[in-house]
């Protein structure tokens, strides 16, 4: 007897259901304490239904991380110029900070906190770092090609500095709170630093 075919749309909806359930459980219990069974219970699906889409908890986490990166770099749209793309990236991080409890950043933080003694997680973190670096360098180099930026140092150095600053801003906001770190002032500082380094102090990224 032939089994009825499952449409691609149905598959996509089921995968989204599992991802949403996993995200809810991760936020509630943390990554380490969450089990596949917790996700099954939250999504109200069978183990077979889960493994039809994902290989395990790590696989689900990887997809959630991918979606988070896509959100941050959704600034790379053709209708935006490089200055606007940088602004959109910074605004995306600000949005994450303003709604930390609604994002998966705290889960990412917990997961990668173990990277210094977990080789697999360290490799994953390194790949994530290189992807983000390449995205930002690409924006900066397009800005140079269009005559919008005249960087005082290499685009790679600027991109590394921006990533380090923004990551630190999110981490400190999460652990200490926005008021303690003078969040709004720090945002103005990074924008001014970027404008100065890019040789466009008269424009605002």
N, C-alpha and C. Protein backbone atom coordinates (compact mmCIF):
# COMPACT_ATOMS: atom_id res chain seq x y z
N UNK A 1 0.85 -1.20 0.00
CA UNK A 1 0.00 0.00 0.00
C UNK A 1 0.88 1.23 0.00
N UNK A 2 0.61 2.14 -0.93
CA UNK A 2 1.41 3.36 -1.03
C UNK A 2 1.02 4.34 0.06
N UNK A 3 2.04 4.92 0.71
CA UNK A 3 1.81 5.94 1.72
C UNK A 3 1.52 7.27 1.03
N UNK A 4 0.58 8.07 1.56
CA UNK A 4 0.31 9.38 0.95
C UNK A 4 1.53 10.28 1.02
N UNK A 5 1.76 11.01 -0.06
CA UNK A 5 2.91 11.91 -0.10
C UNK A 5 2.67 13.11 0.81
N UNK A 6 3.73 13.51 1.46
CA UNK A 6 3.66 14.69 2.34
C UNK A 6 4.20 15.88 1.56
N UNK A 7 3.42 16.95 1.51
CA UNK A 7 3.83 18.11 0.72
C UNK A 7 5.02 18.80 1.36
N UNK A 8 5.78 19.52 0.54
CA UNK A 8 6.93 20.27 1.05
C UNK A 8 6.47 21.32 2.06
N UNK A 9 5.30 21.90 1.81
CA UNK A 9 4.77 22.91 2.73
C UNK A 9 4.49 22.31 4.10
N UNK A 10 3.94 21.09 4.10
CA UNK A 10 3.66 20.42 5.37
C UNK A 10 4.95 20.10 6.11
N UNK A 11 5.96 19.63 5.37
CA UNK A 11 7.25 19.34 5.98
C UNK A 11 7.85 20.58 6.62
N UNK A 12 7.75 21.69 5.89
CA UNK A 12 8.31 22.95 6.40
C UNK A 12 7.58 23.39 7.66
N UNK A 13 6.27 23.23 7.68
CA UNK A 13 5.48 23.60 8.85
C UNK A 13 5.83 22.73 10.06
N UNK A 14 6.04 21.44 9.81
CA UNK A 14 6.40 20.54 10.90
C UNK A 14 7.77 20.87 11.47
N UNK A 15 8.70 21.18 10.57
CA UNK A 15 10.05 21.54 11.02
C UNK A 15 10.00 22.82 11.84
N UNK A 16 9.20 23.78 11.40
CA UNK A 16 9.07 25.05 12.15
C UNK A 16 8.46 24.80 13.52
N UNK A 17 7.49 23.88 13.59
CA UNK A 17 6.85 23.54 14.86
C UNK A 17 7.88 22.97 15.83
N UNK A 18 8.72 22.10 15.34
CA UNK A 18 9.76 21.50 16.18
C UNK A 18 10.76 22.55 16.64
N UNK A 19 11.16 23.43 15.73
CA UNK A 19 12.12 24.49 16.08
C UNK A 19 11.55 25.43 17.13
N UNK A 20 10.28 25.79 16.97
CA UNK A 20 9.64 26.68 17.94
C UNK A 20 9.55 26.00 19.31
N UNK A 21 9.19 24.73 19.30
CA UNK A 21 9.11 23.99 20.56
C UNK A 21 10.47 23.91 21.23
N UNK A 22 11.50 23.60 20.43
CA UNK A 22 12.86 23.50 20.98
C UNK A 22 13.30 24.84 21.55
N UNK A 23 13.03 25.92 20.83
CA UNK A 23 13.42 27.25 21.31
C UNK A 23 12.75 27.56 22.64
N UNK A 24 11.47 27.23 22.77
CA UNK A 24 10.75 27.49 24.02
C UNK A 24 11.35 26.71 25.18
N UNK A 25 11.68 25.43 24.92
CA UNK A 25 12.25 24.60 25.99
C UNK A 25 13.66 25.07 26.34
N UNK A 26 14.46 25.40 25.33
CA UNK A 26 15.82 25.90 25.58
C UNK A 26 15.77 27.14 26.46
N UNK A 27 14.84 28.04 26.17
CA UNK A 27 14.73 29.27 26.95
C UNK A 27 14.31 28.98 28.38
N UNK A 28 13.47 27.99 28.54
CA UNK A 28 12.93 27.68 29.85
C UNK A 28 13.89 26.86 30.71
N UNK A 29 14.57 25.89 30.10
CA UNK A 29 15.41 24.97 30.87
C UNK A 29 16.90 25.17 30.65
N UNK A 30 17.25 25.90 29.57
CA UNK A 30 18.66 26.00 29.20
C UNK A 30 19.02 24.87 28.26
N UNK A 31 20.09 25.05 27.50
CA UNK A 31 20.45 24.05 26.50
C UNK A 31 20.86 22.72 27.14
N UNK A 32 21.73 22.78 28.12
CA UNK A 32 22.31 21.56 28.68
C UNK A 32 21.25 20.66 29.32
N UNK A 33 20.27 21.24 29.97
CA UNK A 33 19.27 20.44 30.68
C UNK A 33 18.13 19.96 29.78
N UNK A 34 18.04 20.51 28.57
CA UNK A 34 16.98 20.11 27.65
C UNK A 34 17.31 18.77 27.00
N UNK A 35 16.31 17.91 26.92
CA UNK A 35 16.46 16.62 26.25
C UNK A 35 15.58 16.59 25.00
N UNK A 36 15.85 15.64 24.13
CA UNK A 36 14.99 15.48 22.95
C UNK A 36 13.56 15.19 23.39
N UNK A 37 13.40 14.43 24.47
CA UNK A 37 12.06 14.12 24.96
C UNK A 37 11.32 15.39 25.38
N UNK A 38 12.04 16.33 25.97
CA UNK A 38 11.41 17.62 26.33
C UNK A 38 10.85 18.30 25.09
N UNK A 39 11.63 18.26 24.01
CA UNK A 39 11.19 18.89 22.76
C UNK A 39 9.99 18.15 22.19
N UNK A 40 10.01 16.82 22.25
CA UNK A 40 8.89 16.03 21.77
C UNK A 40 7.61 16.37 22.54
N UNK A 41 7.74 16.48 23.86
CA UNK A 41 6.58 16.80 24.69
C UNK A 41 6.04 18.19 24.36
N UNK A 42 6.95 19.14 24.17
CA UNK A 42 6.54 20.51 23.87
C UNK A 42 5.85 20.60 22.51
N UNK A 43 6.41 19.88 21.52
CA UNK A 43 5.86 19.93 20.16
C UNK A 43 4.69 18.98 19.97
N UNK A 44 4.52 18.07 20.95
CA UNK A 44 3.46 17.06 20.87
C UNK A 44 3.59 16.20 19.61
N UNK A 45 4.80 15.70 19.38
CA UNK A 45 5.06 14.83 18.24
C UNK A 45 5.77 13.57 18.72
N UNK A 46 5.80 12.57 17.87
CA UNK A 46 6.46 11.31 18.21
C UNK A 46 7.97 11.42 17.96
N UNK A 47 8.70 10.47 18.53
CA UNK A 47 10.15 10.44 18.31
C UNK A 47 10.46 10.24 16.82
N UNK A 48 9.67 9.38 16.18
CA UNK A 48 9.87 9.15 14.76
C UNK A 48 9.63 10.41 13.94
N UNK A 49 8.61 11.18 14.35
CA UNK A 49 8.32 12.44 13.66
C UNK A 49 9.44 13.44 13.81
N UNK A 50 10.07 13.44 14.99
CA UNK A 50 11.20 14.36 15.24
C UNK A 50 12.39 13.99 14.36
N UNK A 51 12.76 12.70 14.38
CA UNK A 51 13.96 12.28 13.67
C UNK A 51 13.79 12.26 12.15
N UNK A 52 12.56 12.48 11.71
CA UNK A 52 12.32 12.63 10.28
C UNK A 52 12.91 13.95 9.78
N UNK A 53 13.04 14.92 10.71
CA UNK A 53 13.51 16.26 10.34
C UNK A 53 14.88 16.61 10.93
N UNK A 54 15.18 16.09 12.10
CA UNK A 54 16.43 16.46 12.77
C UNK A 54 17.12 15.20 13.33
N UNK A 55 18.44 15.28 13.40
CA UNK A 55 19.23 14.15 13.90
C UNK A 55 19.34 14.13 15.41
N UNK A 56 19.02 15.25 16.05
CA UNK A 56 19.12 15.31 17.50
C UNK A 56 19.06 16.75 17.98
N UNK A 57 19.33 16.92 19.26
CA UNK A 57 19.25 18.24 19.87
C UNK A 57 20.25 19.21 19.25
N UNK A 58 21.46 18.73 19.00
CA UNK A 58 22.48 19.58 18.39
C UNK A 58 22.07 20.07 17.02
N UNK A 59 21.41 19.22 16.26
CA UNK A 59 20.96 19.56 14.91
C UNK A 59 19.91 20.67 14.97
N UNK A 60 19.00 20.57 15.93
CA UNK A 60 17.98 21.60 16.12
C UNK A 60 18.63 22.92 16.50
N UNK A 61 19.58 22.83 17.41
CA UNK A 61 20.29 24.03 17.85
C UNK A 61 21.00 24.71 16.68
N UNK A 62 21.64 23.92 15.83
CA UNK A 62 22.37 24.46 14.68
C UNK A 62 21.42 25.22 13.75
N UNK A 63 20.22 24.71 13.57
CA UNK A 63 19.25 25.38 12.70
C UNK A 63 18.76 26.68 13.33
N UNK A 64 18.54 26.68 14.63
CA UNK A 64 18.13 27.90 15.33
C UNK A 64 19.24 28.96 15.23
N UNK A 65 20.47 28.53 15.38
CA UNK A 65 21.61 29.44 15.26
C UNK A 65 21.68 30.02 13.85
N UNK A 66 21.46 29.19 12.85
CA UNK A 66 21.47 29.63 11.46
C UNK A 66 20.42 30.70 11.23
N UNK A 67 19.23 30.50 11.77
CA UNK A 67 18.15 31.47 11.61
C UNK A 67 18.49 32.79 12.31
N UNK A 68 19.16 32.69 13.45
CA UNK A 68 19.57 33.89 14.18
C UNK A 68 20.57 34.70 13.37
N UNK A 69 21.51 34.02 12.75
CA UNK A 69 22.50 34.70 11.91
C UNK A 69 21.83 35.35 10.70
N UNK A 70 20.87 34.64 10.10
CA UNK A 70 20.15 35.20 8.96
C UNK A 70 19.41 36.46 9.35
N UNK A 71 18.86 36.46 10.57
CA UNK A 71 18.17 37.66 11.06
C UNK A 71 19.14 38.83 11.19
N UNK A 72 20.30 38.58 11.79
CA UNK A 72 21.26 39.66 11.99
C UNK A 72 21.77 40.23 10.68
N UNK A 73 21.97 39.35 9.69
CA UNK A 73 22.53 39.79 8.43
C UNK A 73 21.48 39.95 7.34
N UNK A 74 20.23 40.09 7.76
CA UNK A 74 19.18 40.40 6.79
C UNK A 74 19.38 41.81 6.24
N UNK A 75 20.34 42.55 6.86
CA UNK A 75 20.69 43.90 6.38
C UNK A 75 21.30 43.86 4.99
N UNK A 76 21.80 42.67 4.60
CA UNK A 76 22.45 42.58 3.29
C UNK A 76 21.41 42.47 2.18
N UNK A 77 20.63 43.51 2.03
CA UNK A 77 19.62 43.56 0.98
C UNK A 77 20.09 44.49 -0.11
N UNK A 78 19.73 44.15 -1.33
CA UNK A 78 20.23 44.88 -2.48
C UNK A 78 19.82 46.35 -2.48
N UNK A 79 18.67 46.65 -1.89
CA UNK A 79 18.19 48.03 -1.94
C UNK A 79 18.86 48.93 -0.90
N UNK A 80 19.69 48.35 -0.03
CA UNK A 80 20.40 49.14 0.97
C UNK A 80 21.84 49.36 0.54
N UNK A 81 22.33 50.59 0.74
CA UNK A 81 23.75 50.82 0.46
C UNK A 81 24.56 50.37 1.67
N UNK A 82 25.88 50.24 1.55
CA UNK A 82 26.69 49.72 2.65
C UNK A 82 26.55 50.50 3.96
N UNK A 83 26.38 51.80 3.89
CA UNK A 83 26.19 52.58 5.13
C UNK A 83 24.90 52.13 5.82
N UNK A 84 23.84 51.96 5.04
CA UNK A 84 22.55 51.53 5.59
C UNK A 84 22.63 50.09 6.10
N UNK A 85 23.42 49.26 5.43
CA UNK A 85 23.58 47.88 5.86
C UNK A 85 24.28 47.80 7.22
N UNK A 86 25.29 48.62 7.42
CA UNK A 86 25.96 48.66 8.73
C UNK A 86 25.00 49.14 9.82
N UNK A 87 24.24 50.18 9.47
CA UNK A 87 23.26 50.70 10.43
C UNK A 87 22.24 49.62 10.78
N UNK A 88 21.78 48.88 9.77
CA UNK A 88 20.80 47.82 10.01
C UNK A 88 21.38 46.71 10.89
N UNK A 89 22.67 46.41 10.67
CA UNK A 89 23.33 45.39 11.49
C UNK A 89 23.38 45.82 12.95
N UNK A 90 23.82 47.06 13.17
CA UNK A 90 23.90 47.58 14.54
C UNK A 90 22.51 47.64 15.17
N UNK A 91 21.51 48.07 14.40
CA UNK A 91 20.15 48.14 14.92
C UNK A 91 19.62 46.75 15.24
N UNK A 92 20.04 45.75 14.45
CA UNK A 92 19.63 44.38 14.73
C UNK A 92 20.15 43.91 16.07
N UNK A 93 21.41 44.26 16.37
CA UNK A 93 22.00 43.89 17.65
C UNK A 93 21.30 44.64 18.79
N UNK A 94 20.99 45.91 18.56
CA UNK A 94 20.26 46.69 19.56
C UNK A 94 18.90 46.05 19.86
N UNK A 95 18.24 45.59 18.81
CA UNK A 95 16.94 44.92 18.98
C UNK A 95 17.11 43.65 19.81
N UNK A 96 18.18 42.90 19.57
CA UNK A 96 18.44 41.69 20.34
C UNK A 96 18.60 42.05 21.82
N UNK A 97 19.36 43.10 22.09
CA UNK A 97 19.59 43.52 23.47
C UNK A 97 18.30 43.98 24.14
N UNK A 98 17.48 44.69 23.40
CA UNK A 98 16.22 45.19 23.97
C UNK A 98 15.21 44.07 24.23
N UNK A 99 15.36 42.95 23.52
CA UNK A 99 14.43 41.83 23.68
C UNK A 99 15.17 40.53 23.94
N UNK A 100 16.17 40.58 24.80
CA UNK A 100 17.02 39.41 25.04
C UNK A 100 16.23 38.15 25.37
N UNK A 101 15.22 38.29 26.21
CA UNK A 101 14.48 37.12 26.66
C UNK A 101 13.68 36.48 25.53
N UNK A 102 13.44 37.25 24.46
CA UNK A 102 12.67 36.72 23.33
C UNK A 102 13.58 36.14 22.25
N UNK A 103 14.89 36.30 22.39
CA UNK A 103 15.83 35.80 21.38
C UNK A 103 16.52 34.54 21.90
N UNK A 104 17.31 33.92 21.02
CA UNK A 104 18.05 32.72 21.45
C UNK A 104 19.47 33.08 21.87
N UNK A 105 19.79 34.37 21.96
CA UNK A 105 21.17 34.73 22.31
C UNK A 105 21.61 34.14 23.64
N UNK A 106 20.78 34.20 24.69
CA UNK A 106 21.23 33.59 25.96
C UNK A 106 21.54 32.10 25.81
N UNK A 107 20.82 31.42 24.91
CA UNK A 107 21.09 30.00 24.67
C UNK A 107 22.43 29.83 23.97
N UNK A 108 22.69 30.69 22.99
CA UNK A 108 23.97 30.66 22.29
C UNK A 108 25.11 30.90 23.27
N UNK A 109 24.91 31.87 24.15
CA UNK A 109 25.93 32.20 25.14
C UNK A 109 26.23 31.00 26.02
N UNK A 110 25.18 30.34 26.49
CA UNK A 110 25.35 29.15 27.34
C UNK A 110 26.07 28.05 26.57
N UNK A 111 25.66 27.82 25.34
CA UNK A 111 26.22 26.74 24.54
C UNK A 111 27.71 26.93 24.31
N UNK A 112 28.09 28.14 23.91
CA UNK A 112 29.48 28.39 23.55
C UNK A 112 30.37 28.71 24.75
N UNK A 113 29.76 28.85 25.91
CA UNK A 113 30.55 29.07 27.12
C UNK A 113 31.47 27.87 27.38
N UNK A 114 31.07 26.71 26.87
CA UNK A 114 31.85 25.49 27.06
C UNK A 114 32.89 25.28 25.95
N UNK A 115 32.96 26.21 25.01
CA UNK A 115 33.82 25.99 23.83
C UNK A 115 35.30 25.90 24.18
N UNK A 116 35.71 26.50 25.29
CA UNK A 116 37.14 26.47 25.63
C UNK A 116 37.60 25.09 26.06
N UNK A 117 36.67 24.20 26.39
CA UNK A 117 37.06 22.83 26.76
C UNK A 117 36.28 21.78 25.97
N UNK A 118 35.58 22.24 24.92
CA UNK A 118 34.85 21.32 24.06
C UNK A 118 35.26 21.61 22.62
N UNK A 119 36.08 20.73 22.06
CA UNK A 119 36.66 20.96 20.73
C UNK A 119 35.60 21.14 19.65
N UNK A 120 34.55 20.35 19.71
CA UNK A 120 33.50 20.43 18.69
C UNK A 120 32.80 21.78 18.73
N UNK A 121 32.51 22.24 19.93
CA UNK A 121 31.84 23.55 20.05
C UNK A 121 32.78 24.68 19.66
N UNK A 122 34.05 24.52 19.98
CA UNK A 122 35.02 25.54 19.60
C UNK A 122 35.10 25.66 18.09
N UNK A 123 35.11 24.53 17.40
CA UNK A 123 35.16 24.54 15.93
C UNK A 123 33.90 25.20 15.37
N UNK A 124 32.77 24.91 15.97
CA UNK A 124 31.51 25.51 15.53
C UNK A 124 31.54 27.03 15.74
N UNK A 125 32.07 27.45 16.90
CA UNK A 125 32.17 28.88 17.19
C UNK A 125 33.11 29.57 16.22
N UNK A 126 34.21 28.90 15.88
CA UNK A 126 35.17 29.47 14.94
C UNK A 126 34.53 29.64 13.55
N UNK A 127 33.74 28.66 13.13
CA UNK A 127 33.06 28.76 11.84
C UNK A 127 32.05 29.89 11.85
N UNK A 128 31.34 30.04 12.97
CA UNK A 128 30.37 31.13 13.10
C UNK A 128 31.09 32.48 13.03
N UNK A 129 32.22 32.57 13.71
CA UNK A 129 33.01 33.80 13.72
C UNK A 129 33.47 34.16 12.30
N UNK A 130 33.97 33.17 11.58
CA UNK A 130 34.47 33.43 10.23
C UNK A 130 33.34 33.83 9.28
N UNK A 131 32.17 33.23 9.44
CA UNK A 131 31.02 33.61 8.60
C UNK A 131 30.63 35.06 8.84
N UNK A 132 30.53 35.43 10.11
CA UNK A 132 30.15 36.80 10.45
C UNK A 132 31.20 37.79 9.97
N UNK A 133 32.47 37.43 10.15
CA UNK A 133 33.56 38.29 9.72
C UNK A 133 33.48 38.54 8.21
N UNK A 134 33.25 37.47 7.45
CA UNK A 134 33.18 37.59 6.00
C UNK A 134 32.01 38.48 5.58
N UNK A 135 30.89 38.36 6.27
CA UNK A 135 29.71 39.18 5.94
C UNK A 135 30.01 40.67 6.13
N UNK A 136 30.64 41.01 7.26
CA UNK A 136 30.92 42.41 7.55
C UNK A 136 32.00 42.96 6.62
N UNK A 137 33.04 42.18 6.39
CA UNK A 137 34.09 42.61 5.46
C UNK A 137 33.50 42.87 4.08
N UNK A 138 32.58 42.03 3.66
CA UNK A 138 31.93 42.20 2.36
C UNK A 138 31.20 43.53 2.27
N UNK A 139 30.50 43.89 3.34
CA UNK A 139 29.80 45.18 3.38
C UNK A 139 30.79 46.34 3.28
N UNK A 140 31.86 46.25 4.06
CA UNK A 140 32.86 47.32 4.08
C UNK A 140 33.54 47.47 2.72
N UNK A 141 33.85 46.37 2.09
CA UNK A 141 34.54 46.44 0.80
C UNK A 141 33.62 46.99 -0.29
N UNK A 142 32.35 46.67 -0.22
CA UNK A 142 31.42 47.27 -1.18
C UNK A 142 31.32 48.77 -0.97
N UNK A 143 31.39 49.17 0.30
CA UNK A 143 31.38 50.60 0.60
C UNK A 143 32.60 51.30 0.03
N UNK A 144 33.75 50.63 0.08
CA UNK A 144 34.97 51.18 -0.52
C UNK A 144 34.81 51.30 -2.03
N UNK A 145 34.29 50.27 -2.66
CA UNK A 145 34.12 50.27 -4.11
C UNK A 145 33.19 51.39 -4.57
N UNK A 146 32.22 51.72 -3.73
CA UNK A 146 31.25 52.76 -4.08
C UNK A 146 31.71 54.15 -3.64
N UNK A 147 32.89 54.22 -3.06
CA UNK A 147 33.42 55.50 -2.63
C UNK A 147 32.79 56.04 -1.36
N UNK A 148 32.09 55.19 -0.63
CA UNK A 148 31.43 55.63 0.60
C UNK A 148 32.36 55.57 1.80
N UNK A 149 33.32 54.64 1.77
CA UNK A 149 34.26 54.46 2.86
C UNK A 149 35.69 54.66 2.39
N UNK A 150 36.47 55.29 3.23
CA UNK A 150 37.91 55.41 3.01
C UNK A 150 38.59 54.99 4.31
N UNK A 151 38.61 53.70 4.56
CA UNK A 151 39.08 53.19 5.86
C UNK A 151 40.52 53.55 6.19
N UNK A 152 40.75 53.85 7.47
CA UNK A 152 42.08 54.21 7.95
C UNK A 152 42.93 52.97 8.25
N UNK A 153 42.26 51.83 8.46
CA UNK A 153 42.94 50.56 8.67
C UNK A 153 42.25 49.51 7.82
N UNK A 154 42.72 48.27 7.83
CA UNK A 154 42.15 47.24 6.96
C UNK A 154 40.69 46.96 7.31
N UNK A 155 39.93 46.59 6.29
CA UNK A 155 38.51 46.28 6.51
C UNK A 155 38.36 45.08 7.46
N UNK A 156 39.29 44.14 7.39
CA UNK A 156 39.22 42.98 8.27
C UNK A 156 39.41 43.39 9.73
N UNK A 157 40.34 44.32 9.98
CA UNK A 157 40.57 44.80 11.35
C UNK A 157 39.34 45.54 11.87
N UNK A 158 38.72 46.33 11.01
CA UNK A 158 37.51 47.07 11.41
C UNK A 158 36.39 46.10 11.73
N UNK A 159 36.24 45.08 10.87
CA UNK A 159 35.17 44.10 11.07
C UNK A 159 35.38 43.34 12.39
N UNK A 160 36.63 42.96 12.67
CA UNK A 160 36.92 42.25 13.93
C UNK A 160 36.59 43.13 15.13
N UNK A 161 36.96 44.39 15.05
CA UNK A 161 36.68 45.31 16.15
C UNK A 161 35.17 45.45 16.37
N UNK A 162 34.42 45.60 15.28
CA UNK A 162 32.96 45.76 15.39
C UNK A 162 32.33 44.52 16.02
N UNK A 163 32.76 43.34 15.57
CA UNK A 163 32.21 42.10 16.13
C UNK A 163 32.51 41.97 17.61
N UNK A 164 33.74 42.28 17.99
CA UNK A 164 34.14 42.18 19.40
C UNK A 164 33.34 43.15 20.26
N UNK A 165 33.16 44.37 19.76
CA UNK A 165 32.43 45.40 20.51
C UNK A 165 30.97 45.00 20.67
N UNK A 166 30.34 44.57 19.56
CA UNK A 166 28.92 44.24 19.62
C UNK A 166 28.67 43.00 20.47
N UNK A 167 29.53 41.99 20.35
CA UNK A 167 29.39 40.80 21.19
C UNK A 167 29.52 41.16 22.67
N UNK A 168 30.49 42.00 22.98
CA UNK A 168 30.69 42.43 24.36
C UNK A 168 29.50 43.22 24.88
N UNK A 169 28.92 44.03 24.00
CA UNK A 169 27.77 44.85 24.38
C UNK A 169 26.58 43.96 24.73
N UNK A 170 26.37 42.92 23.92
CA UNK A 170 25.26 42.01 24.20
C UNK A 170 25.52 41.23 25.49
N UNK A 171 26.72 40.71 25.64
CA UNK A 171 27.05 39.92 26.84
C UNK A 171 26.93 40.74 28.11
N UNK A 172 27.47 41.95 28.09
CA UNK A 172 27.42 42.81 29.28
C UNK A 172 25.98 43.22 29.60
N UNK A 173 25.19 43.49 28.55
CA UNK A 173 23.79 43.86 28.77
C UNK A 173 23.03 42.71 29.40
N UNK A 174 23.33 41.50 28.94
CA UNK A 174 22.65 40.32 29.46
C UNK A 174 23.03 40.05 30.91
N UNK A 175 24.30 40.23 31.25
CA UNK A 175 24.77 39.87 32.57
C UNK A 175 24.63 41.00 33.61
N UNK A 176 24.82 42.23 33.15
CA UNK A 176 24.81 43.36 34.08
C UNK A 176 23.59 44.27 33.95
N UNK A 177 22.96 44.23 32.79
CA UNK A 177 21.82 45.12 32.55
C UNK A 177 22.24 46.36 31.77
N UNK A 178 21.33 46.89 30.98
CA UNK A 178 21.64 48.03 30.10
C UNK A 178 22.01 49.29 30.88
N UNK A 179 21.34 49.52 31.99
CA UNK A 179 21.62 50.75 32.74
C UNK A 179 23.03 50.74 33.31
N UNK A 180 23.46 49.60 33.82
CA UNK A 180 24.77 49.49 34.44
C UNK A 180 25.90 49.79 33.46
N UNK A 181 25.74 49.39 32.21
CA UNK A 181 26.83 49.58 31.23
C UNK A 181 26.64 50.84 30.40
N UNK A 182 25.60 51.64 30.73
CA UNK A 182 25.32 52.86 29.96
C UNK A 182 25.16 52.51 28.47
N UNK A 183 24.21 51.66 28.23
CA UNK A 183 24.00 51.06 26.91
C UNK A 183 23.89 52.08 25.78
N UNK A 184 23.02 53.06 25.93
CA UNK A 184 22.80 54.04 24.86
C UNK A 184 24.08 54.82 24.54
N UNK A 185 24.84 55.13 25.57
CA UNK A 185 26.10 55.83 25.36
C UNK A 185 27.08 54.94 24.58
N UNK A 186 27.10 53.66 24.90
CA UNK A 186 28.00 52.73 24.21
C UNK A 186 27.65 52.59 22.73
N UNK A 187 26.36 52.65 22.42
CA UNK A 187 25.94 52.57 21.02
C UNK A 187 26.45 53.79 20.25
N UNK A 188 26.34 54.95 20.86
CA UNK A 188 26.85 56.17 20.22
C UNK A 188 28.36 56.09 20.02
N UNK A 189 29.05 55.51 21.00
CA UNK A 189 30.51 55.40 20.91
C UNK A 189 30.91 54.51 19.74
N UNK A 190 30.29 53.35 19.60
CA UNK A 190 30.67 52.44 18.51
C UNK A 190 30.36 53.04 17.15
N UNK A 191 29.27 53.79 17.06
CA UNK A 191 28.94 54.44 15.79
C UNK A 191 29.98 55.50 15.44
N UNK A 192 30.42 56.25 16.45
CA UNK A 192 31.43 57.28 16.19
C UNK A 192 32.77 56.65 15.81
N UNK A 193 33.12 55.57 16.50
CA UNK A 193 34.36 54.86 16.17
C UNK A 193 34.32 54.36 14.74
N UNK A 194 33.19 53.77 14.34
CA UNK A 194 33.05 53.26 12.99
C UNK A 194 33.16 54.38 11.96
N UNK A 195 32.50 55.49 12.23
CA UNK A 195 32.57 56.62 11.30
C UNK A 195 34.01 57.12 11.15
N UNK A 196 34.73 57.20 12.26
CA UNK A 196 36.11 57.67 12.22
C UNK A 196 37.01 56.70 11.48
N UNK A 197 36.89 55.41 11.79
CA UNK A 197 37.73 54.40 11.16
C UNK A 197 37.46 54.27 9.66
N UNK A 198 36.22 54.52 9.28
CA UNK A 198 35.86 54.38 7.87
C UNK A 198 36.13 55.66 7.08
N UNK A 199 36.65 56.69 7.77
CA UNK A 199 36.99 57.92 7.06
C UNK A 199 35.79 58.69 6.59
N UNK A 200 34.67 58.51 7.29
CA UNK A 200 33.44 59.20 6.91
C UNK A 200 32.80 59.80 8.14
N UNK A 201 33.52 60.65 8.81
CA UNK A 201 33.00 61.25 10.03
C UNK A 201 31.79 62.13 9.79
N UNK A 202 31.62 62.56 8.53
CA UNK A 202 30.48 63.42 8.21
C UNK A 202 29.22 62.62 7.93
N UNK A 203 29.34 61.26 7.86
CA UNK A 203 28.18 60.42 7.63
C UNK A 203 27.97 59.57 8.86
N UNK A 204 26.78 59.05 8.99
CA UNK A 204 26.46 58.27 10.17
C UNK A 204 26.09 56.84 9.79
N UNK A 205 26.85 55.89 10.31
CA UNK A 205 26.50 54.48 10.04
C UNK A 205 25.52 54.00 11.10
